[in-house]
PDB file of N, CA and C in Angstrom:
ATOM      1  N   MET A   1      16.481  15.031 -12.573  1.00  0.00           N
ATOM      2  CA  MET A   1      16.346  15.609 -11.269  1.00  0.00           C
ATOM      3  C   MET A   1      16.031  14.462 -10.503  1.00  0.00           C
ATOM      4  N   ARG A   2      16.369  14.541  -9.168  1.00  0.00           N
ATOM      5  CA  ARG A   2      16.242  13.492  -8.080  1.00  0.00           C
ATOM      6  C   ARG A   2      15.000  13.930  -7.183  1.00  0.00           C
ATOM      7  N   VAL A   3      14.065  13.019  -7.106  1.00  0.00           N
ATOM      8  CA  VAL A   3      12.966  13.242  -5.799  1.00  0.00           C
ATOM      9  C   VAL A   3      13.018  12.056  -5.046  1.00  0.00           C
ATOM     10  N   ASP A   4      12.688  12.266  -3.842  1.00  0.00           N
ATOM     11  CA  ASP A   4      12.419  11.326  -3.055  1.00  0.00           C
ATOM     12  C   ASP A   4      10.989  10.958  -2.899  1.00  0.00           C
ATOM     13  N   VAL A   5      10.593   9.832  -3.051  1.00  0.00           N
ATOM     14  CA  VAL A   5       9.265   9.262  -2.906  1.00  0.00           C
ATOM     15  C   VAL A   5       8.900   8.513  -1.616  1.00  0.00           C
ATOM     16  N   LEU A   6       7.921   9.324  -0.997  1.00  0.00           N
ATOM     17  CA  LEU A   6       7.645   8.589   0.382  1.00  0.00           C
ATOM     18  C   LEU A   6       6.845   7.519   0.295  1.00  0.00           C
ATOM     19  N   LEU A   7       7.012   6.552   1.193  1.00  0.00           N
ATOM     20  CA  LEU A   7       6.221   5.351   1.224  1.00  0.00           C
ATOM     21  C   LEU A   7       5.764   5.224   2.774  1.00  0.00           C
ATOM     22  N   PHE A   8       4.457   4.670   2.782  1.00  0.00           N
ATOM     23  CA  PHE A   8       3.959   4.446   4.081  1.00  0.00           C
ATOM     24  C   PHE A   8       3.348   3.091   4.229  1.00  0.00           C
ATOM     25  N   GLY A   9       3.083   2.673   5.503  1.00  0.00           N
ATOM     26  CA  GLY A   9       2.492   1.327   5.904  1.00  0.00           C
ATOM     27  C   GLY A   9       3.052   0.122   5.316  1.00  0.00           C
ATOM     28  N   PRO A  10       2.325  -0.736   4.787  1.00  0.00           N
ATOM     29  CA  PRO A  10       2.697  -1.981   4.172  1.00  0.00           C
ATOM     30  C   PRO A  10       3.633  -1.856   3.029  1.00  0.00           C
ATOM     31  N   ILE A  11       3.532  -0.887   2.178  1.00  0.00           N
ATOM     32  CA  ILE A  11       4.368  -0.722   1.111  1.00  0.00           C
ATOM     33  C   ILE A  11       5.882  -0.312   1.641  1.00  0.00           C
ATOM     34  N   ALA A  12       5.916   0.581   2.646  1.00  0.00           N
ATOM     35  CA  ALA A  12       7.161   0.948   3.169  1.00  0.00           C
ATOM     36  C   ALA A  12       7.808  -0.306   3.879  1.00  0.00           C
ATOM     37  N   GLN A  13       6.973  -1.188   4.343  1.00  0.00           N
ATOM     38  CA  GLN A  13       7.547  -2.326   5.094  1.00  0.00           C
ATOM     39  C   GLN A  13       8.093  -3.382   4.066  1.00  0.00           C
ATOM     40  N   ARG A  14       7.408  -3.554   2.844  1.00  0.00           N
ATOM     41  CA  ARG A  14       7.863  -4.419   1.910  1.00  0.00           C
ATOM     42  C   ARG A  14       9.220  -3.829   1.223  1.00  0.00           C
ATOM     43  N   ALA A  15       9.220  -2.518   1.129  1.00  0.00           N
ATOM     44  CA  ALA A  15      10.378  -1.946   0.501  1.00  0.00           C
ATOM     45  C   ALA A  15      11.510  -1.924   1.550  1.00  0.00           C
ATOM     46  N   GLY A  16      11.302  -2.034   2.823  1.00  0.00           N
ATOM     47  CA  GLY A  16      12.313  -1.961   3.914  1.00  0.00           C
ATOM     48  C   GLY A  16      12.800  -0.499   4.082  1.00  0.00           C
ATOM     49  N   ARG A  17      12.016   0.459   3.530  1.00  0.00           N
ATOM     50  CA  ARG A  17      12.539   1.734   3.805  1.00  0.00           C
ATOM     51  C   ARG A  17      11.324   2.736   3.639  1.00  0.00           C
ATOM     52  N   ALA A  18      11.413   4.062   4.067  1.00  0.00           N
ATOM     53  CA  ALA A  18      10.400   4.889   4.265  1.00  0.00           C
ATOM     54  C   ALA A  18      10.415   5.761   2.888  1.00  0.00           C
ATOM     55  N   SER A  19      11.484   5.832   2.061  1.00  0.00           N
ATOM     56  CA  SER A  19      11.489   6.557   0.876  1.00  0.00           C
ATOM     57  C   SER A  19      12.364   5.894  -0.097  1.00  0.00           C
ATOM     58  N   VAL A  20      12.173   6.287  -1.384  1.00  0.00           N
ATOM     59  CA  VAL A  20      13.098   5.811  -2.392  1.00  0.00           C
ATOM     60  C   VAL A  20      13.385   7.108  -3.355  1.00  0.00           C
ATOM     61  N   PRO A  21      14.699   7.107  -3.551  1.00  0.00           N
ATOM     62  CA  PRO A  21      15.260   8.177  -4.433  1.00  0.00           C
ATOM     63  C   PRO A  21      14.911   7.696  -5.865  1.00  0.00           C
ATOM     64  N   VAL A  22      14.325   8.518  -6.745  1.00  0.00           N
ATOM     65  CA  VAL A  22      14.011   8.305  -7.940  1.00  0.00           C
ATOM     66  C   VAL A  22      14.609   9.634  -8.914  1.00  0.00           C
ATOM     67  N   GLU A  23      15.249   9.160 -10.044  1.00  0.00           N
ATOM     68  CA  GLU A  23      15.844  10.046 -11.005  1.00  0.00           C
ATOM     69  C   GLU A  23      14.833  10.077 -12.082  1.00  0.00           C
ATOM     70  N   VAL A  24      14.437  11.326 -12.520  1.00  0.00           N
ATOM     71  CA  VAL A  24      13.664  11.498 -13.576  1.00  0.00           C
ATOM     72  C   VAL A  24      14.155  12.643 -14.346  1.00  0.00           C
ATOM     73  N   ALA A  25      13.730  12.861 -15.667  1.00  0.00           N
ATOM     74  CA  ALA A  25      14.325  13.975 -16.465  1.00  0.00           C
ATOM     75  C   ALA A  25      14.010  15.458 -15.882  1.00  0.00           C
ATOM     76  N   GLU A  26      14.875  16.343 -16.143  1.00  0.00           N
ATOM     77  CA  GLU A  26      14.670  17.613 -15.452  1.00  0.00           C
ATOM     78  C   GLU A  26      13.373  18.424 -15.922  1.00  0.00           C
ATOM     79  N   ASP A  27      13.131  18.325 -17.256  1.00  0.00           N
ATOM     80  CA  ASP A  27      12.045  19.074 -17.966  1.00  0.00           C
ATOM     81  C   ASP A  27      11.015  18.064 -18.334  1.00  0.00           C
ATOM     82  N   GLY A  28       9.908  18.408 -17.880  1.00  0.00           N
ATOM     83  CA  GLY A  28       8.659  17.717 -18.356  1.00  0.00           C
ATOM     84  C   GLY A  28       8.376  16.350 -17.664  1.00  0.00           C
ATOM     85  N   ALA A  29       8.993  16.229 -16.593  1.00  0.00           N
ATOM     86  CA  ALA A  29       8.760  14.965 -15.772  1.00  0.00           C
ATOM     87  C   ALA A  29       7.337  15.046 -15.128  1.00  0.00           C
ATOM     88  N   THR A  30       6.573  13.842 -15.193  1.00  0.00           N
ATOM     89  CA  THR A  30       5.148  13.736 -14.532  1.00  0.00           C
ATOM     90  C   THR A  30       5.416  12.634 -13.619  1.00  0.00           C
ATOM     91  N   LEU A  31       4.212  12.500 -12.884  1.00  0.00           N
ATOM     92  CA  LEU A  31       4.079  11.362 -12.038  1.00  0.00           C
ATOM     93  C   LEU A  31       4.162   9.995 -12.787  1.00  0.00           C
ATOM     94  N   ALA A  32       3.709  10.098 -13.915  1.00  0.00           N
ATOM     95  CA  ALA A  32       3.739   8.741 -14.725  1.00  0.00           C
ATOM     96  C   ALA A  32       5.237   8.318 -14.755  1.00  0.00           C
ATOM     97  N   HIS A  33       6.196   9.221 -15.168  1.00  0.00           N
ATOM     98  CA  HIS A  33       7.567   8.968 -15.205  1.00  0.00           C
ATOM     99  C   HIS A  33       7.956   8.499 -13.756  1.00  0.00           C
ATOM    100  N   VAL A  34       7.643   9.207 -12.718  1.00  0.00           N
ATOM    101  CA  VAL A  34       8.130   8.639 -11.427  1.00  0.00           C
ATOM    102  C   VAL A  34       7.505   7.307 -11.157  1.00  0.00           C
ATOM    103  N   ARG A  35       6.350   6.985 -11.436  1.00  0.00           N
ATOM    104  CA  ARG A  35       5.809   5.663 -11.073  1.00  0.00           C
ATOM    105  C   ARG A  35       6.539   4.597 -11.949  1.00  0.00           C
ATOM    106  N   ALA A  36       6.823   4.890 -13.101  1.00  0.00           N
ATOM    107  CA  ALA A  36       7.569   3.897 -14.048  1.00  0.00           C
ATOM    108  C   ALA A  36       9.008   3.631 -13.394  1.00  0.00           C
ATOM    109  N   GLU A  37       9.548   4.763 -13.158  1.00  0.00           N
ATOM    110  CA  GLU A  37      10.936   4.474 -12.476  1.00  0.00           C
ATOM    111  C   GLU A  37      10.785   3.712 -11.204  1.00  0.00           C
ATOM    112  N   LEU A  38       9.868   3.997 -10.404  1.00  0.00           N
ATOM    113  CA  LEU A  38       9.769   3.276  -9.108  1.00  0.00           C
ATOM    114  C   LEU A  38       9.431   1.755  -9.392  1.00  0.00           C
ATOM    115  N   ASN A  39       8.724   1.497 -10.398  1.00  0.00           N
ATOM    116  CA  ASN A  39       8.456   0.106 -10.631  1.00  0.00           C
ATOM    117  C   ASN A  39       9.714  -0.562 -11.017  1.00  0.00           C
ATOM    118  N   ARG A  40      10.606   0.381 -11.855  1.00  0.00           N
ATOM    119  CA  ARG A  40      11.858  -0.387 -12.210  1.00  0.00           C
ATOM    120  C   ARG A  40      12.765  -0.568 -11.134  1.00  0.00           C
ATOM    121  N   ILE A  41      12.842   0.359 -10.309  1.00  0.00           N
ATOM    122  CA  ILE A  41      13.710   0.259  -8.927  1.00  0.00           C
ATOM    123  C   ILE A  41      13.246  -0.638  -7.888  1.00  0.00           C
ATOM    124  N   GLU A  42      12.078  -0.718  -7.824  1.00  0.00           N
ATOM    125  CA  GLU A  42      11.452  -1.782  -6.784  1.00  0.00           C
ATOM    126  C   GLU A  42      10.348  -2.575  -7.487  1.00  0.00           C
ATOM    127  N   PRO A  43      10.869  -3.573  -8.357  1.00  0.00           N
ATOM    128  CA  PRO A  43       9.898  -4.459  -8.935  1.00  0.00           C
ATOM    129  C   PRO A  43       8.956  -5.205  -8.211  1.00  0.00           C
ATOM    130  N   GLU A  44       9.451  -5.577  -6.937  1.00  0.00           N
ATOM    131  CA  GLU A  44       8.658  -6.354  -6.150  1.00  0.00           C
ATOM    132  C   GLU A  44       7.327  -5.533  -5.605  1.00  0.00           C
ATOM    133  N   LEU A  45       7.413  -4.149  -5.685  1.00  0.00           N
ATOM    134  CA  LEU A  45       6.216  -3.359  -5.320  1.00  0.00           C
ATOM    135  C   LEU A  45       5.341  -3.117  -6.455  1.00  0.00           C
ATOM    136  N   ALA A  46       5.446  -3.435  -7.726  1.00  0.00           N
ATOM    137  CA  ALA A  46       4.860  -3.185  -8.923  1.00  0.00           C
ATOM    138  C   ALA A  46       3.294  -3.514  -8.778  1.00  0.00           C
ATOM    139  N   ARG A  47       3.081  -4.550  -8.188  1.00  0.00           N
ATOM    140  CA  ARG A  47       1.498  -4.948  -8.088  1.00  0.00           C
ATOM    141  C   ARG A  47       0.897  -4.059  -7.058  1.00  0.00           C
ATOM    142  N   ASP A  48       1.499  -3.688  -5.889  1.00  0.00           N
ATOM    143  CA  ASP A  48       0.991  -2.865  -5.023  1.00  0.00           C
ATOM    144  C   ASP A  48       0.883  -1.401  -5.571  1.00  0.00           C
ATOM    145  N   LEU A  49       1.919  -0.920  -6.229  1.00  0.00           N
ATOM    146  CA  LEU A  49       1.857   0.378  -6.794  1.00  0.00           C
ATOM    147  C   LEU A  49       0.832   0.576  -7.745  1.00  0.00           C
ATOM    148  N   ALA A  50       0.398  -0.411  -8.555  1.00  0.00           N
ATOM    149  CA  ALA A  50      -0.631  -0.292  -9.633  1.00  0.00           C
ATOM    150  C   ALA A  50      -1.931   0.229  -8.871  1.00  0.00           C
ATOM    151  N   SER A  51      -2.290  -0.150  -7.712  1.00  0.00           N
ATOM    152  CA  SER A  51      -3.511   0.147  -6.990  1.00  0.00           C
ATOM    153  C   SER A  51      -3.300   1.335  -6.021  1.00  0.00           C
ATOM    154  N   CYS A  52      -2.234   2.151  -6.037  1.00  0.00           N
ATOM    155  CA  CYS A  52      -1.912   3.160  -5.161  1.00  0.00           C
ATOM    156  C   CYS A  52      -2.179   4.460  -6.000  1.00  0.00           C
ATOM    157  N   ARG A  53      -2.475   5.544  -5.053  1.00  0.00           N
ATOM    158  CA  ARG A  53      -2.461   6.904  -5.806  1.00  0.00           C
ATOM    159  C   ARG A  53      -1.173   7.634  -5.350  1.00  0.00           C
ATOM    160  N   LEU A  54      -0.792   8.586  -6.231  1.00  0.00           N
ATOM    161  CA  LEU A  54       0.370   9.380  -5.871  1.00  0.00           C
ATOM    162  C   LEU A  54      -0.056  10.762  -5.446  1.00  0.00           C
ATOM    163  N   ALA A  55       0.700  11.259  -4.622  1.00  0.00           N
ATOM    164  CA  ALA A  55       0.332  12.779  -4.091  1.00  0.00           C
ATOM    165  C   ALA A  55       1.547  13.619  -4.328  1.00  0.00           C
ATOM    166  N   VAL A  56       1.351  14.938  -4.624  1.00  0.00           N
ATOM    167  CA  VAL A  56       2.357  15.883  -4.869  1.00  0.00           C
ATOM    168  C   VAL A  56       1.982  17.076  -3.942  1.00  0.00           C
ATOM    169  N   ASN A  57       2.940  17.191  -2.947  1.00  0.00           N
ATOM    170  CA  ASN A  57       2.744  18.329  -2.005  1.00  0.00           C
ATOM    171  C   ASN A  57       1.513  18.336  -1.159  1.00  0.00           C
ATOM    172  N   HIS A  58       1.298  17.046  -0.675  1.00  0.00           N
ATOM    173  CA  HIS A  58       0.011  16.846   0.119  1.00  0.00           C
ATOM    174  C   HIS A  58      -1.222  16.756  -0.547  1.00  0.00           C
ATOM    175  N   ALA A  59      -1.323  16.639  -1.834  1.00  0.00           N
ATOM    176  CA  ALA A  59      -2.610  16.584  -2.644  1.00  0.00           C
ATOM    177  C   ALA A  59      -2.574  15.563  -3.654  1.00  0.00           C
ATOM    178  N   PHE A  60      -3.624  14.781  -3.802  1.00  0.00           N
ATOM    179  CA  PHE A  60      -3.567  13.639  -4.774  1.00  0.00           C
ATOM    180  C   PHE A  60      -3.517  14.215  -6.120  1.00  0.00           C
ATOM    181  N   ALA A  61      -2.815  13.787  -7.008  1.00  0.00           N
ATOM    182  CA  ALA A  61      -2.544  14.237  -8.306  1.00  0.00           C
ATOM    183  C   ALA A  61      -2.424  13.148  -9.401  1.00  0.00           C
ATOM    184  N   GLY A  62      -3.009  13.575 -10.567  1.00  0.00           N
ATOM    185  CA  GLY A  62      -2.976  12.526 -11.645  1.00  0.00           C
ATOM    186  C   GLY A  62      -1.623  12.101 -12.339  1.00  0.00           C
ATOM    187  N   GLU A  63      -1.681  11.173 -13.281  1.00  0.00           N
ATOM    188  CA  GLU A  63      -0.403  10.680 -13.743  1.00  0.00           C
ATOM    189  C   GLU A  63       0.234  11.769 -14.623  1.00  0.00           C
ATOM    190  N   ASN A  64      -0.427  12.688 -15.174  1.00  0.00           N
ATOM    191  CA  ASN A  64       0.085  13.699 -16.148  1.00  0.00           C
ATOM    192  C   ASN A  64       0.493  14.841 -15.376  1.00  0.00           C
ATOM    193  N   THR A  65       0.391  14.891 -14.039  1.00  0.00           N
ATOM    194  CA  THR A  65       0.957  15.887 -13.347  1.00  0.00           C
ATOM    195  C   THR A  65       2.334  16.164 -13.433  1.00  0.00           C
ATOM    196  N   GLN A  66       2.898  17.518 -13.865  1.00  0.00           N
ATOM    197  CA  GLN A  66       4.232  17.587 -13.809  1.00  0.00           C
ATOM    198  C   GLN A  66       4.787  17.914 -12.490  1.00  0.00           C
ATOM    199  N   ILE A  67       5.972  17.441 -12.262  1.00  0.00           N
ATOM    200  CA  ILE A  67       6.739  17.732 -11.055  1.00  0.00           C
ATOM    201  C   ILE A  67       7.866  18.720 -11.230  1.00  0.00           C
ATOM    202  N   GLN A  68       8.188  19.250  -9.898  1.00  0.00           N
ATOM    203  CA  GLN A  68       9.340  20.073 -10.117  1.00  0.00           C
ATOM    204  C   GLN A  68      10.429  19.774  -8.935  1.00  0.00           C
ATOM    205  N   THR A  69      11.632  20.087  -9.064  1.00  0.00           N
ATOM    206  CA  THR A  69      12.477  19.935  -8.087  1.00  0.00           C
ATOM    207  C   THR A  69      11.859  20.440  -6.769  1.00  0.00           C
ATOM    208  N   GLY A  70      12.167  19.700  -5.667  1.00  0.00           N
ATOM    209  CA  GLY A  70      11.713  20.079  -4.365  1.00  0.00           C
ATOM    210  C   GLY A  70      10.219  19.765  -3.927  1.00  0.00           C
ATOM    211  N   ASP A  71       9.491  19.187  -5.109  1.00  0.00           N
ATOM    212  CA  ASP A  71       8.120  18.499  -4.817  1.00  0.00           C
ATOM    213  C   ASP A  71       8.282  17.394  -3.775  1.00  0.00           C
ATOM    214  N   GLU A  72       7.253  17.355  -2.897  1.00  0.00           N
ATOM    215  CA  GLU A  72       7.047  15.998  -2.180  1.00  0.00           C
ATOM    216  C   GLU A  72       6.146  15.099  -2.721  1.00  0.00           C
ATOM    217  N   ILE A  73       6.732  14.083  -3.070  1.00  0.00           N
ATOM    218  CA  ILE A  73       5.852  12.960  -3.697  1.00  0.00           C
ATOM    219  C   ILE A  73       5.683  11.808  -2.694  1.00  0.00           C
ATOM    220  N   ALA A  74       4.467  11.294  -2.546  1.00  0.00           N
ATOM    221  CA  ALA A  74       4.033  10.161  -1.755  1.00  0.00           C
ATOM    222  C   ALA A  74       3.291   9.245  -2.439  1.00  0.00           C
ATOM    223  N   VAL A  75       3.532   7.885  -2.100  1.00  0.00           N
ATOM    224  CA  VAL A  75       2.691   6.738  -2.550  1.00  0.00           C
ATOM    225  C   VAL A  75       1.538   6.631  -1.489  1.00  0.00           C
ATOM    226  N   ILE A  76       0.349   6.596  -1.727  1.00  0.00           N
ATOM    227  CA  ILE A  76      -0.756   6.629  -0.906  1.00  0.00           C
ATOM    228  C   ILE A  76      -1.586   5.239  -1.251  1.00  0.00           C
ATOM    229  N   GLY A  77      -1.249   4.244  -0.395  1.00  0.00           N
ATOM    230  CA  GLY A  77      -2.133   2.975  -0.462  1.00  0.00           C
ATOM    231  C   GLY A  77      -3.506   3.110  -0.110  1.00  0.00           C
ATOM    232  N   PHE A  78      -4.259   2.266  -0.463  1.00  0.00           N
ATOM    233  CA  PHE A  78      -5.791   2.128  -0.131  1.00  0.00           C
ATOM    234  C   PHE A  78      -5.847   1.650   1.381  1.00  0.00           C
ATOM    235  N   VAL A  79      -6.761   1.954   2.057  1.00  0.00           N
ATOM    236  CA  VAL A  79      -6.866   1.733   3.506  1.00  0.00           C
ATOM    237  C   VAL A  79      -8.295   1.178   3.735  1.00  0.00           C
ATOM    238  N   SER A  80      -8.458   0.054   4.325  1.00  0.00           N
ATOM    239  CA  SER A  80      -9.694  -0.376   4.611  1.00  0.00           C
ATOM    240  C   SER A  80      -9.960  -0.465   6.144  1.00  0.00           C
ATOM    241  N   GLY A  81     -11.248  -0.556   6.604  1.00  0.00           N
ATOM    242  CA  GLY A  81     -11.324  -0.655   7.966  1.00  0.00           C
ATOM    243  C   GLY A  81     -12.837  -0.306   8.245  1.00  0.00           C
ATOM    244  N   GLY A  82     -13.185  -0.201   9.440  1.00  0.00           N
ATOM    245  CA  GLY A  82     -14.550  -0.049   9.771  1.00  0.00           C
ATOM    246  C   GLY A  82     -14.790   0.329  11.178  1.00  0.00           C
TER     247      GLY A  82
END
């Protein structure tokens, strides 16, 4: 299945785009699979991605969360400020 992973802020700037299409297995795909494939497709983002959380359908989710066709997946980087 193909999912589009949304990127924001500095990660999107480094990737040069706001989303990355990722192919994962149709059955049993998890966010861990998405993260691994994203690291393969965009190796220059691997260090940044290691410290980011993933969200599915507007909610943070763990690496073992299974995904379905049509789910919205986003990479959420850490934000600092004051």
